[in-house]
Each structure stands twice: as C-alpha cells, then as structure tokens.
C-alpha cells in the first residue's frame, strides 16, 4: 500500500505539507523550524477503513457508522512523530 507523510502544524486546522518521503518531510520541518505532528497516511483509503482492516478499531455502536464519526475519525495507532521548533520531540 502506498503511503504519504502529512504534516499538521501545532495550531493549524489543515495540513501544510504532504510528502512521499519521511526524510524530505523532516528536512522541510527542520528548515522552517515548525512545531506539530507528522503522520503516515494510507493513499486511496480512508483512515476509518484502514483502522478496521488492520484490527485497530471495531465499530460497536450505530454512531460509529455515521458520516460525522467517519469523517472525523483518526487513529492513535497511525505512525506519527511530534516536532517542536523543527526538532523531533
């Protein structure tokens, strides 16, 4: 499965960078002294579906199948890194 690295700044509502390589992502974050989270995302698959397929989440209630739940779903088990002023935390 193809994957990308997505950077979300500490106070940002939307991502500010998407990278194919972890090295390029880290270089960009360091160069710009950014704070936030860098997360590996699957391509062509929603996180909700990915988590279910990888046995990381099992919807147990009707609300877990609602559009608002699926649209806002995130998974702490996704590979991610934290940065503070460009340095890995």
PDB file of N, CA and C in Angstrom:
ATOM      1  N   UNK A   1       0.836  -1.177   0.000  1.00  0.00           N
ATOM      2  CA  UNK A   1       0.000   0.000   0.000  1.00  0.00           C
ATOM      3  C   UNK A   1       0.881   1.240   0.000  1.00  0.00           C
ATOM      4  N   UNK A   2       0.546   2.180  -0.858  1.00  0.00           N
ATOM      5  CA  UNK A   2       1.283   3.437  -0.916  1.00  0.00           C
ATOM      6  C   UNK A   2       0.882   4.314   0.271  1.00  0.00           C
ATOM      7  N   UNK A   3       1.856   5.047   0.791  1.00  0.00           N
ATOM      8  CA  UNK A   3       1.614   5.898   1.955  1.00  0.00           C
ATOM      9  C   UNK A   3       2.284   7.250   1.757  1.00  0.00           C
ATOM     10  N   UNK A   4       1.761   8.253   2.438  1.00  0.00           N
ATOM     11  CA  UNK A   4       2.350   9.590   2.418  1.00  0.00           C
ATOM     12  C   UNK A   4       2.472  10.083   3.857  1.00  0.00           C
ATOM     13  N   UNK A   5       3.362  11.045   4.052  1.00  0.00           N
ATOM     14  CA  UNK A   5       3.536  11.694   5.348  1.00  0.00           C
ATOM     15  C   UNK A   5       2.857  13.055   5.288  1.00  0.00           C
ATOM     16  N   UNK A   6       1.975  13.324   6.245  1.00  0.00           N
ATOM     17  CA  UNK A   6       1.191  14.560   6.281  1.00  0.00           C
ATOM     18  C   UNK A   6       1.578  15.352   7.521  1.00  0.00           C
ATOM     19  N   UNK A   7       1.960  16.636   7.309  1.00  0.00           N
ATOM     20  CA  UNK A   7       2.324  17.496   8.431  1.00  0.00           C
ATOM     21  C   UNK A   7       1.182  18.441   8.759  1.00  0.00           C
ATOM     22  N   UNK A   8       0.806  18.458  10.043  1.00  0.00           N
ATOM     23  CA  UNK A   8      -0.169  19.412  10.570  1.00  0.00           C
ATOM     24  C   UNK A   8       0.538  20.273  11.602  1.00  0.00           C
ATOM     25  N   UNK A   9       0.563  21.573  11.365  1.00  0.00           N
ATOM     26  CA  UNK A   9       1.154  22.497  12.324  1.00  0.00           C
ATOM     27  C   UNK A   9       0.387  22.484  13.635  1.00  0.00           C
ATOM     28  N   UNK A  10       1.063  22.886  14.702  1.00  0.00           N
ATOM     29  CA  UNK A  10       0.508  22.808  16.058  1.00  0.00           C
ATOM     30  C   UNK A  10      -0.851  23.487  16.180  1.00  0.00           C
ATOM     31  N   UNK A  11      -1.064  24.597  15.556  1.00  0.00           N
ATOM     32  CA  UNK A  11      -2.329  25.320  15.680  1.00  0.00           C
ATOM     33  C   UNK A  11      -3.122  25.323  14.367  1.00  0.00           C
ATOM     34  N   UNK A  12      -2.713  24.516  13.413  1.00  0.00           N
ATOM     35  CA  UNK A  12      -3.347  24.522  12.091  1.00  0.00           C
ATOM     36  C   UNK A  12      -4.598  23.656  12.045  1.00  0.00           C
ATOM     37  N   UNK A  13      -5.534  24.080  11.237  1.00  0.00           N
ATOM     38  CA  UNK A  13      -6.749  23.299  11.027  1.00  0.00           C
ATOM     39  C   UNK A  13      -6.577  22.328   9.862  1.00  0.00           C
ATOM     40  N   UNK A  14      -5.705  22.676   8.932  1.00  0.00           N
ATOM     41  CA  UNK A  14      -5.483  21.862   7.748  1.00  0.00           C
ATOM     42  C   UNK A  14      -3.992  21.555   7.597  1.00  0.00           C
ATOM     43  N   UNK A  15      -3.647  20.472   6.885  1.00  0.00           N
ATOM     44  CA  UNK A  15      -2.230  20.142   6.675  1.00  0.00           C
ATOM     45  C   UNK A  15      -1.503  21.237   5.896  1.00  0.00           C
ATOM     46  N   UNK A  16      -0.214  21.369   6.165  1.00  0.00           N
ATOM     47  CA  UNK A  16       0.589  22.350   5.442  1.00  0.00           C
ATOM     48  C   UNK A  16       1.654  21.695   4.574  1.00  0.00           C
ATOM     49  N   UNK A  17       1.748  20.370   4.615  1.00  0.00           N
ATOM     50  CA  UNK A  17       2.703  19.668   3.772  1.00  0.00           C
ATOM     51  C   UNK A  17       2.375  18.192   3.669  1.00  0.00           C
ATOM     52  N   UNK A  18       2.568  17.655   2.474  1.00  0.00           N
ATOM     53  CA  UNK A  18       2.358  16.218   2.221  1.00  0.00           C
ATOM     54  C   UNK A  18       3.583  15.718   1.466  1.00  0.00           C
ATOM     55  N   UNK A  19       4.175  14.641   1.966  1.00  0.00           N
ATOM     56  CA  UNK A  19       5.456  14.171   1.445  1.00  0.00           C
ATOM     57  C   UNK A  19       5.429  12.675   1.156  1.00  0.00           C
ATOM     58  N   UNK A  20       6.143  12.288   0.120  1.00  0.00           N
ATOM     59  CA  UNK A  20       6.313  10.864  -0.185  1.00  0.00           C
ATOM     60  C   UNK A  20       7.410  10.258   0.676  1.00  0.00           C
ATOM     61  N   UNK A  21       8.386  11.076   1.070  1.00  0.00           N
ATOM     62  CA  UNK A  21       9.495  10.529   1.852  1.00  0.00           C
ATOM     63  C   UNK A  21       9.552  11.178   3.237  1.00  0.00           C
ATOM     64  N   UNK A  22       9.832  10.365   4.230  1.00  0.00           N
ATOM     65  CA  UNK A  22       9.994  10.847   5.601  1.00  0.00           C
ATOM     66  C   UNK A  22      11.170  11.811   5.683  1.00  0.00           C
ATOM     67  N   UNK A  23      12.246  11.507   4.984  1.00  0.00           N
ATOM     68  CA  UNK A  23      13.434  12.360   5.002  1.00  0.00           C
ATOM     69  C   UNK A  23      13.119  13.768   4.495  1.00  0.00           C
ATOM     70  N   UNK A  24      12.388  13.875   3.374  1.00  0.00           N
ATOM     71  CA  UNK A  24      12.026  15.193   2.841  1.00  0.00           C
ATOM     72  C   UNK A  24      11.123  15.953   3.810  1.00  0.00           C
ATOM     73  N   UNK A  25      10.219  15.242   4.449  1.00  0.00           N
ATOM     74  CA  UNK A  25       9.328  15.875   5.421  1.00  0.00           C
ATOM     75  C   UNK A  25      10.126  16.436   6.596  1.00  0.00           C
ATOM     76  N   UNK A  26      11.009  15.635   7.147  1.00  0.00           N
ATOM     77  CA  UNK A  26      11.815  16.083   8.283  1.00  0.00           C
ATOM     78  C   UNK A  26      12.708  17.266   7.909  1.00  0.00           C
ATOM     79  N   UNK A  27      13.287  17.233   6.708  1.00  0.00           N
ATOM     80  CA  UNK A  27      14.140  18.338   6.252  1.00  0.00           C
ATOM     81  C   UNK A  27      13.338  19.632   6.171  1.00  0.00           C
ATOM     82  N   UNK A  28      12.126  19.561   5.623  1.00  0.00           N
ATOM     83  CA  UNK A  28      11.274  20.737   5.477  1.00  0.00           C
ATOM     84  C   UNK A  28      10.861  21.290   6.842  1.00  0.00           C
ATOM     85  N   UNK A  29      10.496  20.403   7.746  1.00  0.00           N
ATOM     86  CA  UNK A  29      10.098  20.814   9.097  1.00  0.00           C
ATOM     87  C   UNK A  29      11.261  21.491   9.812  1.00  0.00           C
ATOM     88  N   UNK A  30      12.437  20.899   9.704  1.00  0.00           N
ATOM     89  CA  UNK A  30      13.641  21.458  10.361  1.00  0.00           C
ATOM     90  C   UNK A  30      13.993  22.821   9.764  1.00  0.00           C
ATOM     91  N   UNK A  31      14.005  22.898   8.427  1.00  0.00           N
ATOM     92  CA  UNK A  31      14.374  24.136   7.740  1.00  0.00           C
ATOM     93  C   UNK A  31      13.469  25.295   8.160  1.00  0.00           C
ATOM     94  N   UNK A  32      12.190  25.009   8.383  1.00  0.00           N
ATOM     95  CA  UNK A  32      11.222  26.053   8.717  1.00  0.00           C
ATOM     96  C   UNK A  32      10.928  26.161  10.215  1.00  0.00           C
ATOM     97  N   UNK A  33      11.661  25.375  11.028  1.00  0.00           N
ATOM     98  CA  UNK A  33      11.524  25.399  12.491  1.00  0.00           C
ATOM     99  C   UNK A  33      10.063  25.235  12.939  1.00  0.00           C
ATOM    100  N   UNK A  34       9.404  24.228  12.377  1.00  0.00           N
ATOM    101  CA  UNK A  34       7.974  24.034  12.613  1.00  0.00           C
ATOM    102  C   UNK A  34       7.688  23.181  13.844  1.00  0.00           C
ATOM    103  N   UNK A  35       6.521  23.411  14.421  1.00  0.00           N
ATOM    104  CA  UNK A  35       6.008  22.593  15.519  1.00  0.00           C
ATOM    105  C   UNK A  35       4.701  21.954  15.055  1.00  0.00           C
ATOM    106  N   UNK A  36       4.529  20.685  15.394  1.00  0.00           N
ATOM    107  CA  UNK A  36       3.306  19.988  15.007  1.00  0.00           C
ATOM    108  C   UNK A  36       3.531  18.494  14.922  1.00  0.00           C
ATOM    109  N   UNK A  37       2.647  17.837  14.188  1.00  0.00           N
ATOM    110  CA  UNK A  37       2.699  16.378  14.063  1.00  0.00           C
ATOM    111  C   UNK A  37       2.835  15.958  12.605  1.00  0.00           C
ATOM    112  N   UNK A  38       3.660  14.950  12.394  1.00  0.00           N
ATOM    113  CA  UNK A  38       3.870  14.346  11.074  1.00  0.00           C
ATOM    114  C   UNK A  38       3.330  12.919  11.156  1.00  0.00           C
ATOM    115  N   UNK A  39       2.329  12.619  10.329  1.00  0.00           N
ATOM    116  CA  UNK A  39       1.633  11.338  10.412  1.00  0.00           C
ATOM    117  C   UNK A  39       1.657  10.624   9.078  1.00  0.00           C
ATOM    118  N   UNK A  40       1.882   9.307   9.114  1.00  0.00           N
ATOM    119  CA  UNK A  40       1.863   8.486   7.899  1.00  0.00           C
ATOM    120  C   UNK A  40       0.417   8.075   7.604  1.00  0.00           C
ATOM    121  N   UNK A  41      -0.047   8.411   6.401  1.00  0.00           N
ATOM    122  CA  UNK A  41      -1.410   8.096   5.967  1.00  0.00           C
ATOM    123  C   UNK A  41      -1.399   7.135   4.787  1.00  0.00           C
ATOM    124  N   UNK A  42      -2.373   6.231   4.735  1.00  0.00           N
ATOM    125  CA  UNK A  42      -2.523   5.383   3.548  1.00  0.00           C
ATOM    126  C   UNK A  42      -3.081   6.216   2.398  1.00  0.00           C
ATOM    127  N   UNK A  43      -2.725   5.867   1.180  1.00  0.00           N
ATOM    128  CA  UNK A  43      -3.238   6.548  -0.006  1.00  0.00           C
ATOM    129  C   UNK A  43      -4.396   5.718  -0.586  1.00  0.00           C
ATOM    130  N   UNK A  44      -5.424   6.397  -1.053  1.00  0.00           N
ATOM    131  CA  UNK A  44      -6.611   5.764  -1.647  1.00  0.00           C
ATOM    132  C   UNK A  44      -7.413   4.947  -0.640  1.00  0.00           C
ATOM    133  N   UNK A  45      -7.344   5.331   0.622  1.00  0.00           N
ATOM    134  CA  UNK A  45      -8.105   4.630   1.653  1.00  0.00           C
ATOM    135  C   UNK A  45      -8.336   5.581   2.817  1.00  0.00           C
ATOM    136  N   UNK A  46      -9.560   5.597   3.325  1.00  0.00           N
ATOM    137  CA  UNK A  46      -9.863   6.399   4.499  1.00  0.00           C
ATOM    138  C   UNK A  46      -9.262   5.774   5.749  1.00  0.00           C
ATOM    139  N   UNK A  47      -8.912   6.608   6.718  1.00  0.00           N
ATOM    140  CA  UNK A  47      -8.318   6.124   7.968  1.00  0.00           C
ATOM    141  C   UNK A  47      -9.276   5.189   8.702  1.00  0.00           C
ATOM    142  N   UNK A  48     -10.558   5.502   8.672  1.00  0.00           N
ATOM    143  CA  UNK A  48     -11.584   4.660   9.306  1.00  0.00           C
ATOM    144  C   UNK A  48     -11.510   3.231   8.750  1.00  0.00           C
ATOM    145  N   UNK A  49     -11.523   3.107   7.418  1.00  0.00           N
ATOM    146  CA  UNK A  49     -11.461   1.781   6.780  1.00  0.00           C
ATOM    147  C   UNK A  49     -10.127   1.097   7.049  1.00  0.00           C
ATOM    148  N   UNK A  50      -9.046   1.868   7.002  1.00  0.00           N
ATOM    149  CA  UNK A  50      -7.708   1.324   7.266  1.00  0.00           C
ATOM    150  C   UNK A  50      -7.635   0.750   8.671  1.00  0.00           C
ATOM    151  N   UNK A  51      -8.166   1.482   9.661  1.00  0.00           N
ATOM    152  CA  UNK A  51      -8.126   1.029  11.052  1.00  0.00           C
ATOM    153  C   UNK A  51      -8.933  -0.258  11.245  1.00  0.00           C
ATOM    154  N   UNK A  52     -10.087  -0.342  10.606  1.00  0.00           N
ATOM    155  CA  UNK A  52     -10.908  -1.557  10.699  1.00  0.00           C
ATOM    156  C   UNK A  52     -10.181  -2.734  10.057  1.00  0.00           C
ATOM    157  N   UNK A  53      -9.623  -2.520   8.868  1.00  0.00           N
ATOM    158  CA  UNK A  53      -8.920  -3.592   8.147  1.00  0.00           C
ATOM    159  C   UNK A  53      -7.696  -4.092   8.915  1.00  0.00           C
ATOM    160  N   UNK A  54      -7.090  -3.239   9.713  1.00  0.00           N
ATOM    161  CA  UNK A  54      -5.892  -3.605  10.477  1.00  0.00           C
ATOM    162  C   UNK A  54      -6.218  -3.969  11.923  1.00  0.00           C
ATOM    163  N   UNK A  55      -7.489  -4.220  12.188  1.00  0.00           N
ATOM    164  CA  UNK A  55      -7.959  -4.628  13.526  1.00  0.00           C
ATOM    165  C   UNK A  55      -7.567  -3.638  14.620  1.00  0.00           C
ATOM    166  N   UNK A  56      -7.578  -2.358  14.279  1.00  0.00           N
ATOM    167  CA  UNK A  56      -7.262  -1.318  15.247  1.00  0.00           C
ATOM    168  C   UNK A  56      -8.518  -0.635  15.774  1.00  0.00           C
ATOM    169  N   UNK A  57      -9.649  -0.874  15.110  1.00  0.00           N
ATOM    170  CA  UNK A  57     -10.918  -0.302  15.523  1.00  0.00           C
ATOM    171  C   UNK A  57     -12.041  -1.220  15.060  1.00  0.00           C
ATOM    172  N   UNK A  58     -13.028  -1.351  15.909  1.00  0.00           N
ATOM    173  CA  UNK A  58     -14.213  -2.150  15.570  1.00  0.00           C
ATOM    174  C   UNK A  58     -15.449  -1.329  15.945  1.00  0.00           C
ATOM    175  N   UNK A  59     -16.233  -0.904  14.957  1.00  0.00           N
ATOM    176  CA  UNK A  59     -17.422  -0.118  15.274  1.00  0.00           C
ATOM    177  C   UNK A  59     -18.427  -0.965  16.046  1.00  0.00           C
ATOM    178  N   UNK A  60     -18.805  -0.489  17.229  1.00  0.00           N
ATOM    179  CA  UNK A  60     -19.705  -1.258  18.095  1.00  0.00           C
ATOM    180  C   UNK A  60     -21.069  -0.601  18.252  1.00  0.00           C
ATOM    181  N   UNK A  61     -21.146   0.680  17.956  1.00  0.00           N
ATOM    182  CA  UNK A  61     -22.397   1.412  18.118  1.00  0.00           C
ATOM    183  C   UNK A  61     -22.813   2.008  16.773  1.00  0.00           C
ATOM    184  N   UNK A  62     -24.105   2.299  16.617  1.00  0.00           N
ATOM    185  CA  UNK A  62     -24.599   2.894  15.373  1.00  0.00           C
ATOM    186  C   UNK A  62     -23.894   4.205  15.056  1.00  0.00           C
ATOM    187  N   UNK A  63     -23.596   4.999  16.098  1.00  0.00           N
ATOM    188  CA  UNK A  63     -22.934   6.288  15.853  1.00  0.00           C
ATOM    189  C   UNK A  63     -21.551   6.109  15.233  1.00  0.00           C
ATOM    190  N   UNK A  64     -20.934   4.944  15.442  1.00  0.00           N
ATOM    191  CA  UNK A  64     -19.620   4.667  14.850  1.00  0.00           C
ATOM    192  C   UNK A  64     -19.682   4.464  13.345  1.00  0.00           C
ATOM    193  N   UNK A  65     -20.884   4.406  12.804  1.00  0.00           N
ATOM    194  CA  UNK A  65     -21.064   4.234  11.354  1.00  0.00           C
ATOM    195  C   UNK A  65     -21.645   5.487  10.706  1.00  0.00           C
ATOM    196  N   UNK A  66     -21.742   6.563  11.478  1.00  0.00           N
ATOM    197  CA  UNK A  66     -22.330   7.809  10.968  1.00  0.00           C
ATOM    198  C   UNK A  66     -21.303   8.602  10.153  1.00  0.00           C
ATOM    199  N   UNK A  67     -21.788   9.389   9.194  1.00  0.00           N
ATOM    200  CA  UNK A  67     -20.862  10.213   8.397  1.00  0.00           C
ATOM    201  C   UNK A  67     -20.017  11.154   9.247  1.00  0.00           C
ATOM    202  N   UNK A  68     -20.596  11.750  10.285  1.00  0.00           N
ATOM    203  CA  UNK A  68     -19.812  12.689  11.096  1.00  0.00           C
ATOM    204  C   UNK A  68     -18.701  11.965  11.857  1.00  0.00           C
ATOM    205  N   UNK A  69     -18.951  10.753  12.325  1.00  0.00           N
ATOM    206  CA  UNK A  69     -17.930   9.982  13.030  1.00  0.00           C
ATOM    207  C   UNK A  69     -16.829   9.559  12.062  1.00  0.00           C
ATOM    208  N   UNK A  70     -17.216   8.995  10.920  1.00  0.00           N
ATOM    209  CA  UNK A  70     -16.239   8.519   9.932  1.00  0.00           C
ATOM    210  C   UNK A  70     -15.414   9.689   9.393  1.00  0.00           C
ATOM    211  N   UNK A  71     -16.067  10.817   9.120  1.00  0.00           N
ATOM    212  CA  UNK A  71     -15.370  11.984   8.575  1.00  0.00           C
ATOM    213  C   UNK A  71     -14.374  12.605   9.540  1.00  0.00           C
ATOM    214  N   UNK A  72     -14.586  12.432  10.833  1.00  0.00           N
ATOM    215  CA  UNK A  72     -13.679  12.991  11.823  1.00  0.00           C
ATOM    216  C   UNK A  72     -12.774  11.966  12.474  1.00  0.00           C
ATOM    217  N   UNK A  73     -12.811  10.727  11.956  1.00  0.00           N
ATOM    218  CA  UNK A  73     -12.079   9.633  12.584  1.00  0.00           C
ATOM    219  C   UNK A  73     -10.572   9.814  12.436  1.00  0.00           C
ATOM    220  N   UNK A  74      -9.868   9.531  13.502  1.00  0.00           N
ATOM    221  CA  UNK A  74      -8.409   9.473  13.498  1.00  0.00           C
ATOM    222  C   UNK A  74      -7.999   8.287  14.359  1.00  0.00           C
ATOM    223  N   UNK A  75      -6.791   7.832  14.203  1.00  0.00           N
ATOM    224  CA  UNK A  75      -6.366   6.626  14.908  1.00  0.00           C
ATOM    225  C   UNK A  75      -4.983   6.861  15.527  1.00  0.00           C
ATOM    226  N   UNK A  76      -4.907   6.770  16.840  1.00  0.00           N
ATOM    227  CA  UNK A  76      -3.636   6.981  17.543  1.00  0.00           C
ATOM    228  C   UNK A  76      -2.592   5.937  17.175  1.00  0.00           C
ATOM    229  N   UNK A  77      -3.023   4.821  16.572  1.00  0.00           N
ATOM    230  CA  UNK A  77      -2.086   3.767  16.186  1.00  0.00           C
ATOM    231  C   UNK A  77      -1.352   4.071  14.887  1.00  0.00           C
ATOM    232  N   UNK A  78      -1.736   5.160  14.212  1.00  0.00           N
ATOM    233  CA  UNK A  78      -1.028   5.531  12.979  1.00  0.00           C
ATOM    234  C   UNK A  78       0.381   5.981  13.357  1.00  0.00           C
ATOM    235  N   UNK A  79       1.338   5.615  12.525  1.00  0.00           N
ATOM    236  CA  UNK A  79       2.718   6.034  12.785  1.00  0.00           C
ATOM    237  C   UNK A  79       2.792   7.556  12.712  1.00  0.00           C
ATOM    238  N   UNK A  80       3.348   8.183  13.740  1.00  0.00           N
ATOM    239  CA  UNK A  80       3.431   9.639  13.763  1.00  0.00           C
ATOM    240  C   UNK A  80       4.611  10.106  14.614  1.00  0.00           C
ATOM    241  N   UNK A  81       5.038  11.325  14.324  1.00  0.00           N
ATOM    242  CA  UNK A  81       6.152  11.957  15.028  1.00  0.00           C
ATOM    243  C   UNK A  81       5.724  13.360  15.439  1.00  0.00           C
ATOM    244  N   UNK A  82       6.254  13.838  16.559  1.00  0.00           N
ATOM    245  CA  UNK A  82       5.963  15.188  17.032  1.00  0.00           C
ATOM    246  C   UNK A  82       7.219  16.045  16.898  1.00  0.00           C
ATOM    247  N   UNK A  83       7.002  17.329  16.561  1.00  0.00           N
ATOM    248  CA  UNK A  83       8.105  18.258  16.384  1.00  0.00           C
ATOM    249  C   UNK A  83       7.846  19.534  17.159  1.00  0.00           C
ATOM    250  N   UNK A  84       8.924  20.110  17.675  1.00  0.00           N
ATOM    251  CA  UNK A  84       8.876  21.384  18.375  1.00  0.00           C
ATOM    252  C   UNK A  84      10.005  22.254  17.830  1.00  0.00           C
ATOM    253  N   UNK A  85       9.660  23.373  17.219  1.00  0.00           N
ATOM    254  CA  UNK A  85      10.644  24.279  16.625  1.00  0.00           C
ATOM    255  C   UNK A  85      11.605  23.558  15.679  1.00  0.00           C
ATOM    256  N   UNK A  86      11.064  22.639  14.898  1.00  0.00           N
ATOM    257  CA  UNK A  86      11.857  21.939  13.885  1.00  0.00           C
ATOM    258  C   UNK A  86      12.595  20.710  14.377  1.00  0.00           C
ATOM    259  N   UNK A  87      12.589  20.478  15.669  1.00  0.00           N
ATOM    260  CA  UNK A  87      13.295  19.327  16.230  1.00  0.00           C
ATOM    261  C   UNK A  87      12.304  18.245  16.622  1.00  0.00           C
ATOM    262  N   UNK A  88      12.664  16.999  16.339  1.00  0.00           N
ATOM    263  CA  UNK A  88      11.805  15.884  16.701  1.00  0.00           C
ATOM    264  C   UNK A  88      11.699  15.794  18.225  1.00  0.00           C
ATOM    265  N   UNK A  89      10.483  15.700  18.711  1.00  0.00           N
ATOM    266  CA  UNK A  89      10.218  15.692  20.144  1.00  0.00           C
ATOM    267  C   UNK A  89      10.192  14.271  20.685  1.00  0.00           C
TER     268      UNK A  89
END
